[in-house]
Amino acid sequence: MRIVIAEDDALLREGLALLLRAESLDVVATAGTAEDALDAVDRHKPDVAILDVRMPPTHTDEGIRAAVEARRRHPALAVLVLSAYVEQSFATELLTGGVGGLGYLLKERVGRVEEFLDALRRVADGGTAIDPEVVAQLFTRSCRDTRLERLSPREKDVLGLMAEGLGNSAIAERLVVTDGAVHKHIRSIFAKLDLAPTDQLDRRVAAVLHYLEDARRR
């Protein structure tokens, strides 16, 4: 796995690079600005870009804008965005722009090394990894949507865990139910959100992106 890291805090940037290299991952470049990050992605063509949301010069949304632009230039690029706080508009701006290979985590998650590495690998494999706190806040904002109101409390629990990037077995373990029960809930979620089977669409990701997009509009 080839990785570019973009983080303006030099200590965190180098610490993250050391952590990943200790896991035998190939950090091909690090950058302190969004512009340098885009240059590094163009030059090295990594598998994954890890970017901070707030970067110089304004420390507002440079990281998100760089992530969106990097995906536009390199559609196969996996992107994992790190933020010190839950920034809902930034999260949905990035995550509603694609159907996989995207993640949004709070920086505190980096300290939980196994969780962070698991999220990174899911994103690199084309999945999603959304911080549980982001999921919780977006769910609160989007629960008024008509289609989402069709979901039972248990189905909302399942969809929230899907948004975090968990697979069926992991969801079953978290909710202390059988894999079969999870599969049944997911089929029901797809039906209630009017997500028909198609070769061009990952329905798991589409279900997650549906309520993220609704949250962005509110």
N, C-alpha and C. Protein backbone atom coordinates (compact mmCIF):
# COMPACT_ATOMS: atom_id res chain seq x y z
N MET A 1 0.84 -1.19 0.00
CA MET A 1 0.00 0.00 0.00
C MET A 1 0.88 1.25 0.00
N ARG A 2 0.74 2.08 -1.02
CA ARG A 2 1.51 3.32 -1.14
C ARG A 2 0.65 4.48 -0.65
N ILE A 3 1.23 5.31 0.23
CA ILE A 3 0.45 6.31 0.94
C ILE A 3 1.11 7.68 0.86
N VAL A 4 0.29 8.72 0.66
CA VAL A 4 0.71 10.11 0.81
C VAL A 4 -0.01 10.68 2.02
N ILE A 5 0.73 11.38 2.88
CA ILE A 5 0.16 11.99 4.08
C ILE A 5 0.23 13.51 3.95
N ALA A 6 -0.90 14.19 4.18
CA ALA A 6 -0.93 15.65 4.16
C ALA A 6 -1.46 16.15 5.50
N GLU A 7 -0.59 16.78 6.27
CA GLU A 7 -0.93 17.26 7.62
C GLU A 7 0.01 18.41 7.95
N ASP A 8 -0.54 19.57 8.34
CA ASP A 8 0.32 20.73 8.57
C ASP A 8 1.04 20.68 9.91
N ASP A 9 0.56 19.88 10.84
CA ASP A 9 1.25 19.70 12.12
C ASP A 9 2.41 18.72 11.90
N ALA A 10 3.63 19.23 11.93
CA ALA A 10 4.80 18.42 11.59
C ALA A 10 4.95 17.21 12.52
N LEU A 11 4.65 17.40 13.81
CA LEU A 11 4.80 16.30 14.76
C LEU A 11 3.83 15.18 14.45
N LEU A 12 2.57 15.53 14.20
CA LEU A 12 1.57 14.52 13.87
C LEU A 12 1.88 13.88 12.52
N ARG A 13 2.32 14.69 11.58
CA ARG A 13 2.64 14.17 10.24
C ARG A 13 3.74 13.12 10.30
N GLU A 14 4.81 13.44 11.00
CA GLU A 14 5.93 12.50 11.08
C GLU A 14 5.60 11.31 11.96
N GLY A 15 4.82 11.55 13.00
CA GLY A 15 4.42 10.44 13.87
C GLY A 15 3.55 9.45 13.11
N LEU A 16 2.64 9.96 12.30
CA LEU A 16 1.78 9.09 11.50
C LEU A 16 2.60 8.31 10.47
N ALA A 17 3.57 8.98 9.87
CA ALA A 17 4.43 8.30 8.90
C ALA A 17 5.23 7.18 9.57
N LEU A 18 5.75 7.45 10.76
CA LEU A 18 6.49 6.41 11.50
C LEU A 18 5.60 5.23 11.84
N LEU A 19 4.37 5.53 12.28
CA LEU A 19 3.42 4.47 12.63
C LEU A 19 3.15 3.57 11.44
N LEU A 20 2.88 4.17 10.30
CA LEU A 20 2.54 3.38 9.12
C LEU A 20 3.75 2.60 8.59
N ARG A 21 4.92 3.22 8.64
CA ARG A 21 6.11 2.50 8.19
C ARG A 21 6.44 1.34 9.10
N ALA A 22 6.13 1.49 10.39
CA ALA A 22 6.35 0.39 11.34
C ALA A 22 5.44 -0.79 11.03
N GLU A 23 4.33 -0.51 10.32
CA GLU A 23 3.41 -1.57 9.90
C GLU A 23 3.74 -2.08 8.49
N SER A 24 4.93 -1.73 8.02
CA SER A 24 5.42 -2.15 6.70
C SER A 24 4.60 -1.56 5.56
N LEU A 25 4.01 -0.39 5.79
CA LEU A 25 3.29 0.32 4.74
C LEU A 25 4.24 1.36 4.12
N ASP A 26 4.06 1.62 2.84
CA ASP A 26 4.99 2.46 2.09
C ASP A 26 4.48 3.90 2.03
N VAL A 27 5.00 4.76 2.92
CA VAL A 27 4.67 6.18 2.88
C VAL A 27 5.60 6.83 1.87
N VAL A 28 5.06 7.14 0.69
CA VAL A 28 5.92 7.60 -0.40
C VAL A 28 6.18 9.10 -0.34
N ALA A 29 5.34 9.85 0.40
CA ALA A 29 5.55 11.30 0.51
C ALA A 29 4.71 11.85 1.65
N THR A 30 5.19 12.95 2.24
CA THR A 30 4.41 13.70 3.22
C THR A 30 4.36 15.15 2.76
N ALA A 31 3.30 15.87 3.18
CA ALA A 31 3.13 17.26 2.74
C ALA A 31 2.53 18.07 3.87
N GLY A 32 2.87 19.36 3.88
CA GLY A 32 2.35 20.25 4.91
C GLY A 32 1.28 21.19 4.42
N THR A 33 1.01 21.17 3.10
CA THR A 33 -0.04 22.02 2.53
C THR A 33 -0.86 21.20 1.55
N ALA A 34 -2.07 21.69 1.25
CA ALA A 34 -2.93 20.99 0.31
C ALA A 34 -2.32 20.99 -1.09
N GLU A 35 -1.71 22.10 -1.47
CA GLU A 35 -1.07 22.19 -2.79
C GLU A 35 0.04 21.16 -2.94
N ASP A 36 0.88 21.05 -1.90
CA ASP A 36 1.96 20.06 -1.94
C ASP A 36 1.39 18.64 -1.96
N ALA A 37 0.26 18.45 -1.28
CA ALA A 37 -0.36 17.13 -1.27
C ALA A 37 -0.81 16.73 -2.67
N LEU A 38 -1.44 17.65 -3.38
CA LEU A 38 -1.88 17.36 -4.75
C LEU A 38 -0.68 17.07 -5.65
N ASP A 39 0.38 17.84 -5.49
CA ASP A 39 1.59 17.59 -6.28
C ASP A 39 2.14 16.19 -6.00
N ALA A 40 2.14 15.79 -4.71
CA ALA A 40 2.66 14.48 -4.33
C ALA A 40 1.79 13.35 -4.91
N VAL A 41 0.47 13.56 -4.89
CA VAL A 41 -0.44 12.55 -5.46
C VAL A 41 -0.20 12.42 -6.96
N ASP A 42 -0.06 13.57 -7.65
CA ASP A 42 0.19 13.52 -9.09
C ASP A 42 1.51 12.83 -9.40
N ARG A 43 2.52 13.09 -8.57
CA ARG A 43 3.86 12.58 -8.85
C ARG A 43 3.99 11.09 -8.51
N HIS A 44 3.46 10.70 -7.34
CA HIS A 44 3.69 9.33 -6.85
C HIS A 44 2.55 8.36 -7.15
N LYS A 45 1.36 8.89 -7.47
CA LYS A 45 0.19 8.05 -7.76
C LYS A 45 0.01 6.96 -6.67
N PRO A 46 -0.22 7.39 -5.43
CA PRO A 46 -0.36 6.43 -4.33
C PRO A 46 -1.69 5.68 -4.39
N ASP A 47 -1.80 4.67 -3.55
CA ASP A 47 -3.08 3.96 -3.40
C ASP A 47 -4.03 4.73 -2.50
N VAL A 48 -3.45 5.40 -1.49
CA VAL A 48 -4.25 6.11 -0.49
C VAL A 48 -3.63 7.46 -0.19
N ALA A 49 -4.50 8.48 -0.03
CA ALA A 49 -4.06 9.78 0.47
C ALA A 49 -4.74 10.04 1.81
N ILE A 50 -3.95 10.36 2.83
CA ILE A 50 -4.48 10.73 4.14
C ILE A 50 -4.32 12.23 4.28
N LEU A 51 -5.44 12.94 4.46
CA LEU A 51 -5.39 14.41 4.47
C LEU A 51 -6.10 14.98 5.69
N ASP A 52 -5.51 16.04 6.25
CA ASP A 52 -6.16 16.81 7.30
C ASP A 52 -7.19 17.73 6.65
N VAL A 53 -8.31 17.98 7.35
CA VAL A 53 -9.33 18.88 6.81
C VAL A 53 -8.81 20.32 6.73
N ARG A 54 -8.27 20.82 7.84
CA ARG A 54 -7.88 22.23 7.94
C ARG A 54 -6.38 22.37 7.70
N MET A 55 -6.03 23.02 6.60
CA MET A 55 -4.63 23.19 6.23
C MET A 55 -4.37 24.63 5.80
N PRO A 56 -3.09 25.03 5.72
CA PRO A 56 -2.76 26.39 5.29
C PRO A 56 -3.27 26.64 3.86
N PRO A 57 -3.54 27.90 3.50
CA PRO A 57 -3.25 29.10 4.32
C PRO A 57 -4.37 29.54 5.24
N THR A 58 -5.62 29.13 4.98
CA THR A 58 -6.75 29.65 5.78
C THR A 58 -7.16 28.72 6.90
N HIS A 59 -6.70 27.48 6.85
CA HIS A 59 -7.06 26.49 7.87
C HIS A 59 -8.57 26.33 7.98
N THR A 60 -9.24 26.27 6.84
CA THR A 60 -10.69 26.02 6.83
C THR A 60 -10.99 24.69 6.14
N ASP A 61 -11.06 24.71 4.81
CA ASP A 61 -11.45 23.49 4.10
C ASP A 61 -10.46 23.06 3.03
N GLU A 62 -9.21 23.53 3.12
CA GLU A 62 -8.22 23.19 2.07
C GLU A 62 -8.05 21.68 1.90
N GLY A 63 -8.04 20.95 3.01
CA GLY A 63 -7.85 19.51 2.92
C GLY A 63 -8.97 18.80 2.20
N ILE A 64 -10.22 19.20 2.49
CA ILE A 64 -11.37 18.61 1.80
C ILE A 64 -11.34 18.94 0.32
N ARG A 65 -11.04 20.20 0.01
CA ARG A 65 -10.98 20.59 -1.39
C ARG A 65 -9.88 19.82 -2.13
N ALA A 66 -8.77 19.61 -1.46
CA ALA A 66 -7.69 18.84 -2.07
C ALA A 66 -8.11 17.39 -2.27
N ALA A 67 -8.84 16.83 -1.30
CA ALA A 67 -9.31 15.45 -1.42
C ALA A 67 -10.25 15.29 -2.61
N VAL A 68 -11.19 16.23 -2.74
CA VAL A 68 -12.13 16.17 -3.86
C VAL A 68 -11.40 16.32 -5.19
N GLU A 69 -10.44 17.24 -5.25
CA GLU A 69 -9.68 17.45 -6.48
C GLU A 69 -8.80 16.24 -6.80
N ALA A 70 -8.20 15.65 -5.77
CA ALA A 70 -7.36 14.46 -5.99
C ALA A 70 -8.19 13.31 -6.56
N ARG A 71 -9.41 13.16 -6.05
CA ARG A 71 -10.29 12.09 -6.58
C ARG A 71 -10.72 12.41 -8.01
N ARG A 72 -10.89 13.69 -8.31
CA ARG A 72 -11.26 14.06 -9.68
C ARG A 72 -10.14 13.70 -10.65
N ARG A 73 -8.90 13.99 -10.23
CA ARG A 73 -7.75 13.69 -11.10
C ARG A 73 -7.44 12.21 -11.15
N HIS A 74 -7.64 11.53 -10.04
CA HIS A 74 -7.28 10.11 -9.93
C HIS A 74 -8.45 9.35 -9.31
N PRO A 75 -9.46 8.97 -10.09
CA PRO A 75 -10.68 8.36 -9.56
C PRO A 75 -10.46 7.10 -8.74
N ALA A 76 -9.37 6.39 -8.98
CA ALA A 76 -9.11 5.15 -8.24
C ALA A 76 -8.45 5.41 -6.89
N LEU A 77 -8.08 6.66 -6.63
CA LEU A 77 -7.40 6.99 -5.38
C LEU A 77 -8.34 6.83 -4.18
N ALA A 78 -7.88 6.12 -3.16
CA ALA A 78 -8.62 6.03 -1.90
C ALA A 78 -8.22 7.23 -1.04
N VAL A 79 -9.18 7.82 -0.34
CA VAL A 79 -8.94 9.02 0.44
C VAL A 79 -9.45 8.83 1.86
N LEU A 80 -8.58 9.10 2.83
CA LEU A 80 -8.97 9.06 4.24
C LEU A 80 -8.70 10.45 4.83
N VAL A 81 -9.77 11.13 5.24
CA VAL A 81 -9.66 12.48 5.77
C VAL A 81 -9.67 12.43 7.29
N LEU A 82 -8.80 13.22 7.90
CA LEU A 82 -8.72 13.30 9.36
C LEU A 82 -9.14 14.70 9.80
N SER A 83 -9.88 14.77 10.91
CA SER A 83 -10.33 16.06 11.42
C SER A 83 -10.30 16.04 12.94
N ALA A 84 -10.01 17.21 13.54
CA ALA A 84 -10.00 17.30 15.00
C ALA A 84 -11.41 17.32 15.55
N TYR A 85 -12.38 17.72 14.73
CA TYR A 85 -13.77 17.85 15.19
C TYR A 85 -14.70 17.27 14.13
N VAL A 86 -15.95 17.02 14.53
CA VAL A 86 -16.96 16.59 13.57
C VAL A 86 -17.39 17.81 12.76
N GLU A 87 -17.07 17.81 11.48
CA GLU A 87 -17.43 18.92 10.61
C GLU A 87 -18.34 18.36 9.53
N GLN A 88 -19.64 18.41 9.79
CA GLN A 88 -20.61 17.68 8.99
C GLN A 88 -20.61 18.08 7.52
N SER A 89 -20.58 19.38 7.24
CA SER A 89 -20.65 19.81 5.85
C SER A 89 -19.44 19.33 5.07
N PHE A 90 -18.27 19.33 5.72
CA PHE A 90 -17.06 18.85 5.05
C PHE A 90 -17.14 17.35 4.82
N ALA A 91 -17.64 16.62 5.81
CA ALA A 91 -17.75 15.17 5.68
C ALA A 91 -18.64 14.79 4.51
N THR A 92 -19.81 15.42 4.43
CA THR A 92 -20.74 15.05 3.37
C THR A 92 -20.27 15.55 2.01
N GLU A 93 -19.58 16.68 1.95
CA GLU A 93 -19.05 17.18 0.67
C GLU A 93 -18.12 16.16 0.04
N LEU A 94 -17.30 15.54 0.87
CA LEU A 94 -16.38 14.52 0.37
C LEU A 94 -17.10 13.21 0.09
N LEU A 95 -17.86 12.73 1.06
CA LEU A 95 -18.38 11.37 1.00
C LEU A 95 -19.49 11.19 -0.02
N THR A 96 -20.22 12.27 -0.35
CA THR A 96 -21.27 12.13 -1.36
C THR A 96 -20.71 12.24 -2.76
N GLY A 97 -19.41 12.39 -2.89
CA GLY A 97 -18.82 12.52 -4.22
C GLY A 97 -18.38 11.21 -4.83
N GLY A 98 -18.58 10.10 -4.15
CA GLY A 98 -18.15 8.82 -4.69
C GLY A 98 -18.83 7.67 -3.99
N VAL A 99 -18.53 6.45 -4.40
CA VAL A 99 -19.22 5.29 -3.83
C VAL A 99 -18.25 4.30 -3.21
N GLY A 100 -17.08 4.73 -2.83
CA GLY A 100 -16.17 3.81 -2.18
C GLY A 100 -14.77 4.37 -2.10
N GLY A 101 -13.95 3.71 -1.28
CA GLY A 101 -12.58 4.16 -1.13
C GLY A 101 -12.48 5.50 -0.43
N LEU A 102 -13.42 5.76 0.49
CA LEU A 102 -13.46 7.04 1.17
C LEU A 102 -13.64 6.85 2.68
N GLY A 103 -12.97 7.70 3.45
CA GLY A 103 -13.13 7.63 4.90
C GLY A 103 -13.03 8.99 5.54
N TYR A 104 -13.66 9.13 6.69
CA TYR A 104 -13.63 10.39 7.45
C TYR A 104 -13.53 10.01 8.92
N LEU A 105 -12.39 10.29 9.54
CA LEU A 105 -12.15 9.91 10.93
C LEU A 105 -11.74 11.12 11.75
N LEU A 106 -12.09 11.10 13.02
CA LEU A 106 -11.56 12.08 13.94
C LEU A 106 -10.11 11.72 14.26
N LYS A 107 -9.29 12.74 14.48
CA LYS A 107 -7.87 12.50 14.72
C LYS A 107 -7.62 11.64 15.96
N GLU A 108 -8.52 11.73 16.94
CA GLU A 108 -8.34 10.93 18.14
C GLU A 108 -8.35 9.44 17.84
N ARG A 109 -8.94 9.06 16.68
CA ARG A 109 -8.99 7.66 16.30
C ARG A 109 -7.60 7.13 15.95
N VAL A 110 -6.68 8.02 15.55
CA VAL A 110 -5.33 7.60 15.19
C VAL A 110 -4.64 6.96 16.38
N GLY A 111 -4.95 7.47 17.58
CA GLY A 111 -4.34 6.92 18.79
C GLY A 111 -4.79 5.51 19.10
N ARG A 112 -5.91 5.11 18.55
CA ARG A 112 -6.39 3.73 18.69
C ARG A 112 -5.89 2.98 17.46
N VAL A 113 -4.66 2.54 17.55
CA VAL A 113 -3.90 2.11 16.38
C VAL A 113 -4.61 1.03 15.57
N GLU A 114 -5.11 0.01 16.24
CA GLU A 114 -5.74 -1.09 15.50
C GLU A 114 -6.98 -0.61 14.76
N GLU A 115 -7.79 0.24 15.42
CA GLU A 115 -8.98 0.78 14.76
C GLU A 115 -8.60 1.62 13.55
N PHE A 116 -7.57 2.44 13.73
CA PHE A 116 -7.14 3.30 12.64
C PHE A 116 -6.63 2.48 11.46
N LEU A 117 -5.79 1.50 11.73
CA LEU A 117 -5.24 0.67 10.66
C LEU A 117 -6.34 -0.11 9.95
N ASP A 118 -7.32 -0.59 10.72
CA ASP A 118 -8.43 -1.32 10.13
C ASP A 118 -9.22 -0.41 9.20
N ALA A 119 -9.47 0.83 9.63
CA ALA A 119 -10.18 1.79 8.79
C ALA A 119 -9.38 2.10 7.53
N LEU A 120 -8.08 2.29 7.67
CA LEU A 120 -7.22 2.59 6.52
C LEU A 120 -7.28 1.45 5.50
N ARG A 121 -7.22 0.23 5.97
CA ARG A 121 -7.24 -0.92 5.06
C ARG A 121 -8.60 -1.04 4.37
N ARG A 122 -9.69 -0.77 5.09
CA ARG A 122 -11.01 -0.82 4.47
C ARG A 122 -11.11 0.19 3.34
N VAL A 123 -10.64 1.40 3.60
CA VAL A 123 -10.69 2.45 2.59
C VAL A 123 -9.82 2.07 1.39
N ALA A 124 -8.63 1.55 1.65
CA ALA A 124 -7.73 1.15 0.57
C ALA A 124 -8.33 0.03 -0.28
N ASP A 125 -9.15 -0.80 0.33
CA ASP A 125 -9.80 -1.91 -0.38
C ASP A 125 -11.08 -1.47 -1.10
N GLY A 126 -11.38 -0.15 -1.06
CA GLY A 126 -12.55 0.34 -1.78
C GLY A 126 -13.79 0.50 -0.95
N GLY A 127 -13.66 0.28 0.37
CA GLY A 127 -14.82 0.43 1.25
C GLY A 127 -14.92 1.82 1.84
N THR A 128 -15.73 1.95 2.87
CA THR A 128 -15.88 3.23 3.56
C THR A 128 -15.52 3.07 5.03
N ALA A 129 -15.10 4.15 5.63
CA ALA A 129 -14.80 4.16 7.07
C ALA A 129 -15.18 5.54 7.61
N ILE A 130 -16.30 5.61 8.27
CA ILE A 130 -16.79 6.88 8.80
C ILE A 130 -16.78 6.80 10.32
N ASP A 131 -16.21 7.82 10.96
CA ASP A 131 -16.09 7.82 12.41
C ASP A 131 -17.46 7.67 13.06
N PRO A 132 -17.58 6.83 14.09
CA PRO A 132 -18.88 6.64 14.76
C PRO A 132 -19.51 7.94 15.24
N GLU A 133 -18.70 8.90 15.67
CA GLU A 133 -19.25 10.17 16.15
C GLU A 133 -19.84 10.97 14.99
N VAL A 134 -19.20 10.90 13.82
CA VAL A 134 -19.74 11.56 12.64
C VAL A 134 -21.07 10.92 12.26
N VAL A 135 -21.10 9.58 12.28
CA VAL A 135 -22.33 8.86 11.95
C VAL A 135 -23.46 9.27 12.88
N ALA A 136 -23.17 9.32 14.17
CA ALA A 136 -24.20 9.66 15.15
C ALA A 136 -24.78 11.04 14.90
N GLN A 137 -23.93 12.01 14.62
CA GLN A 137 -24.42 13.37 14.41
C GLN A 137 -25.17 13.51 13.10
N LEU A 138 -24.70 12.83 12.06
CA LEU A 138 -25.40 12.89 10.78
C LEU A 138 -26.75 12.20 10.87
N PHE A 139 -26.82 11.09 11.62
CA PHE A 139 -28.08 10.41 11.80
C PHE A 139 -29.08 11.32 12.51
N THR A 140 -28.62 12.05 13.52
CA THR A 140 -29.50 12.95 14.26
C THR A 140 -30.08 14.00 13.34
N ARG A 141 -29.26 14.53 12.43
CA ARG A 141 -29.71 15.58 11.53
C ARG A 141 -30.61 15.04 10.43
N SER A 142 -30.40 13.79 10.01
CA SER A 142 -31.11 13.30 8.84
C SER A 142 -32.33 12.46 9.17
N CYS A 143 -32.64 12.28 10.45
CA CYS A 143 -33.69 11.34 10.81
C CYS A 143 -35.08 11.80 10.38
N ARG A 144 -35.23 13.08 9.93
CA ARG A 144 -36.54 13.57 9.52
C ARG A 144 -36.87 13.19 8.08
N ASP A 145 -35.90 12.66 7.36
CA ASP A 145 -36.13 12.25 5.98
C ASP A 145 -37.21 11.17 5.93
N THR A 146 -38.13 11.29 4.96
CA THR A 146 -39.27 10.38 4.90
C THR A 146 -38.84 8.94 4.78
N ARG A 147 -37.92 8.66 3.86
CA ARG A 147 -37.51 7.27 3.68
C ARG A 147 -36.77 6.74 4.89
N LEU A 148 -35.97 7.57 5.52
CA LEU A 148 -35.26 7.11 6.72
C LEU A 148 -36.23 6.82 7.86
N GLU A 149 -37.34 7.54 7.88
CA GLU A 149 -38.33 7.30 8.93
C GLU A 149 -39.01 5.95 8.78
N ARG A 150 -38.88 5.34 7.59
CA ARG A 150 -39.43 4.00 7.39
C ARG A 150 -38.65 2.94 8.16
N LEU A 151 -37.40 3.25 8.50
CA LEU A 151 -36.54 2.27 9.14
C LEU A 151 -36.92 2.07 10.60
N SER A 152 -36.84 0.82 11.03
CA SER A 152 -37.05 0.52 12.44
C SER A 152 -35.81 0.94 13.23
N PRO A 153 -35.92 1.07 14.56
CA PRO A 153 -34.74 1.41 15.36
C PRO A 153 -33.56 0.46 15.12
N ARG A 154 -33.84 -0.83 15.00
CA ARG A 154 -32.77 -1.80 14.77
C ARG A 154 -32.16 -1.60 13.39
N GLU A 155 -32.98 -1.30 12.39
CA GLU A 155 -32.45 -1.06 11.05
C GLU A 155 -31.58 0.19 11.03
N LYS A 156 -31.94 1.20 11.80
CA LYS A 156 -31.10 2.40 11.91
C LYS A 156 -29.76 2.05 12.56
N ASP A 157 -29.80 1.17 13.56
CA ASP A 157 -28.55 0.72 14.18
C ASP A 157 -27.66 0.04 13.15
N VAL A 158 -28.26 -0.83 12.35
CA VAL A 158 -27.51 -1.56 11.33
C VAL A 158 -26.94 -0.60 10.30
N LEU A 159 -27.75 0.37 9.83
CA LEU A 159 -27.27 1.33 8.84
C LEU A 159 -26.14 2.18 9.40
N GLY A 160 -26.24 2.56 10.67
CA GLY A 160 -25.17 3.32 11.29
C GLY A 160 -23.86 2.56 11.29
N LEU A 161 -23.91 1.27 11.60
CA LEU A 161 -22.71 0.45 11.61
C LEU A 161 -22.20 0.19 10.19
N MET A 162 -23.11 0.09 9.24
CA MET A 162 -22.69 0.00 7.83
C MET A 162 -21.91 1.25 7.46
N ALA A 163 -22.38 2.40 7.93
CA ALA A 163 -21.71 3.66 7.61
C ALA A 163 -20.30 3.70 8.17
N GLU A 164 -20.09 3.07 9.31
CA GLU A 164 -18.74 3.01 9.88
C GLU A 164 -17.83 2.11 9.07
N GLY A 165 -18.43 1.29 8.19
CA GLY A 165 -17.65 0.42 7.34
C GLY A 165 -17.62 -1.03 7.78
N LEU A 166 -18.43 -1.39 8.77
CA LEU A 166 -18.42 -2.75 9.28
C LEU A 166 -19.14 -3.70 8.32
N GLY A 167 -18.62 -4.92 8.21
CA GLY A 167 -19.26 -5.96 7.43
C GLY A 167 -20.34 -6.65 8.23
N ASN A 168 -21.05 -7.58 7.60
CA ASN A 168 -22.18 -8.23 8.25
C ASN A 168 -21.79 -8.94 9.54
N SER A 169 -20.70 -9.67 9.52
CA SER A 169 -20.31 -10.42 10.71
C SER A 169 -19.95 -9.50 11.86
N ALA A 170 -19.26 -8.41 11.55
CA ALA A 170 -18.89 -7.45 12.59
C ALA A 170 -20.13 -6.75 13.15
N ILE A 171 -21.10 -6.46 12.29
CA ILE A 171 -22.35 -5.85 12.76
C ILE A 171 -23.08 -6.83 13.68
N ALA A 172 -23.14 -8.09 13.27
CA ALA A 172 -23.80 -9.10 14.10
C ALA A 172 -23.16 -9.20 15.47
N GLU A 173 -21.84 -9.17 15.49
CA GLU A 173 -21.12 -9.25 16.77
C GLU A 173 -21.39 -8.04 17.63
N ARG A 174 -21.41 -6.84 17.02
CA ARG A 174 -21.64 -5.62 17.77
C ARG A 174 -23.06 -5.58 18.35
N LEU A 175 -24.04 -6.07 17.59
CA LEU A 175 -25.43 -6.00 18.03
C LEU A 175 -25.89 -7.27 18.75
N VAL A 176 -24.99 -8.25 18.82
CA VAL A 176 -25.28 -9.54 19.47
C VAL A 176 -26.50 -10.20 18.82
N VAL A 177 -26.44 -10.33 17.50
CA VAL A 177 -27.47 -11.03 16.75
C VAL A 177 -26.78 -11.95 15.77
N THR A 178 -27.56 -12.73 15.02
CA THR A 178 -26.97 -13.66 14.05
C THR A 178 -26.66 -12.94 12.74
N ASP A 179 -25.77 -13.55 11.95
CA ASP A 179 -25.49 -13.01 10.62
C ASP A 179 -26.75 -12.97 9.77
N GLY A 180 -27.58 -14.00 9.94
CA GLY A 180 -28.83 -14.06 9.19
C GLY A 180 -29.75 -12.90 9.51
N ALA A 181 -29.79 -12.52 10.78
CA ALA A 181 -30.64 -11.39 11.19
C ALA A 181 -30.12 -10.10 10.56
N VAL A 182 -28.80 -9.93 10.53
CA VAL A 182 -28.23 -8.74 9.92
C VAL A 182 -28.55 -8.69 8.43
N HIS A 183 -28.40 -9.82 7.76
CA HIS A 183 -28.71 -9.89 6.33
C HIS A 183 -30.16 -9.51 6.08
N LYS A 184 -31.06 -9.98 6.93
CA LYS A 184 -32.49 -9.66 6.79
C LYS A 184 -32.73 -8.16 6.97
N HIS A 185 -32.07 -7.56 7.98
CA HIS A 185 -32.23 -6.12 8.22
C HIS A 185 -31.72 -5.31 7.02
N ILE A 186 -30.58 -5.73 6.46
CA ILE A 186 -30.01 -4.99 5.34
C ILE A 186 -30.91 -5.07 4.11
N ARG A 187 -31.48 -6.24 3.85
CA ARG A 187 -32.43 -6.35 2.74
C ARG A 187 -33.61 -5.41 2.94
N SER A 188 -34.08 -5.33 4.18
CA SER A 188 -35.20 -4.45 4.49
C SER A 188 -34.82 -2.98 4.30
N ILE A 189 -33.59 -2.63 4.72
CA ILE A 189 -33.10 -1.25 4.54
C ILE A 189 -33.08 -0.89 3.06
N PHE A 190 -32.54 -1.78 2.24
CA PHE A 190 -32.48 -1.51 0.80
C PHE A 190 -33.89 -1.29 0.24
N ALA A 191 -34.84 -2.12 0.67
CA ALA A 191 -36.20 -2.01 0.16
C ALA A 191 -36.84 -0.69 0.59
N LYS A 192 -36.66 -0.33 1.86
CA LYS A 192 -37.29 0.89 2.38
C LYS A 192 -36.66 2.16 1.82
N LEU A 193 -35.40 2.08 1.40
CA LEU A 193 -34.73 3.22 0.79
C LEU A 193 -34.83 3.20 -0.73
N ASP A 194 -35.63 2.26 -1.25
CA ASP A 194 -35.87 2.16 -2.70
C ASP A 194 -34.58 1.95 -3.48
N LEU A 195 -33.70 1.08 -2.95
CA LEU A 195 -32.44 0.78 -3.62
C LEU A 195 -32.54 -0.59 -4.27
N ALA A 196 -32.81 -0.58 -5.56
CA ALA A 196 -32.95 -1.83 -6.30
C ALA A 196 -31.58 -2.37 -6.69
N PRO A 197 -31.45 -3.70 -6.88
CA PRO A 197 -30.17 -4.27 -7.29
C PRO A 197 -29.74 -3.73 -8.65
N THR A 198 -28.45 -3.45 -8.79
CA THR A 198 -27.89 -3.00 -10.06
C THR A 198 -26.42 -3.30 -10.09
N ASP A 199 -25.89 -3.59 -11.26
CA ASP A 199 -24.47 -3.90 -11.39
C ASP A 199 -23.60 -2.66 -11.21
N GLN A 200 -24.19 -1.48 -11.39
CA GLN A 200 -23.41 -0.25 -11.34
C GLN A 200 -23.38 0.40 -9.96
N LEU A 201 -24.09 -0.14 -8.97
CA LEU A 201 -24.22 0.55 -7.70
C LEU A 201 -24.00 -0.40 -6.53
N ASP A 202 -23.15 0.00 -5.60
CA ASP A 202 -22.98 -0.72 -4.34
C ASP A 202 -24.08 -0.24 -3.41
N ARG A 203 -25.07 -1.09 -3.16
CA ARG A 203 -26.23 -0.64 -2.39
C ARG A 203 -25.88 -0.31 -0.95
N ARG A 204 -24.89 -1.00 -0.38
CA ARG A 204 -24.48 -0.68 0.99
C ARG A 204 -23.98 0.77 1.07
N VAL A 205 -23.11 1.12 0.12
CA VAL A 205 -22.58 2.48 0.10
C VAL A 205 -23.68 3.48 -0.24
N ALA A 206 -24.54 3.12 -1.18
CA ALA A 206 -25.62 4.03 -1.58
C ALA A 206 -26.55 4.32 -0.41
N ALA A 207 -26.82 3.32 0.42
CA ALA A 207 -27.68 3.53 1.58
C ALA A 207 -27.05 4.54 2.53
N VAL A 208 -25.75 4.40 2.75
CA VAL A 208 -25.04 5.33 3.62
C VAL A 208 -25.02 6.73 3.02
N LEU A 209 -24.70 6.82 1.73
CA LEU A 209 -24.61 8.12 1.08
C LEU A 209 -25.96 8.82 1.02
N HIS A 210 -27.04 8.05 1.01
CA HIS A 210 -28.37 8.65 0.99
C HIS A 210 -28.58 9.56 2.19
N TYR A 211 -28.30 9.04 3.37
CA TYR A 211 -28.59 9.91 4.51
C TYR A 211 -27.50 10.95 4.73
N LEU A 212 -26.28 10.69 4.24
CA LEU A 212 -25.27 11.73 4.30
C LEU A 212 -25.65 12.92 3.40
N GLU A 213 -26.16 12.61 2.21
CA GLU A 213 -26.58 13.68 1.31
C GLU A 213 -27.76 14.44 1.89
N ASP A 214 -28.69 13.71 2.53
CA ASP A 214 -29.82 14.39 3.16
C ASP A 214 -29.35 15.32 4.26
N ALA A 215 -28.36 14.88 5.04
CA ALA A 215 -27.82 15.72 6.10
C ALA A 215 -27.16 16.96 5.53
N ARG A 216 -26.48 16.83 4.38
CA ARG A 216 -25.83 17.97 3.77
C ARG A 216 -26.85 19.02 3.34
N ARG A 217 -28.02 18.59 2.85
CA ARG A 217 -29.02 19.52 2.37
C ARG A 217 -29.71 20.28 3.49
N ARG A 218 -29.72 19.74 4.70
CA ARG A 218 -30.49 20.35 5.80
C ARG A 218 -29.73 21.51 6.42
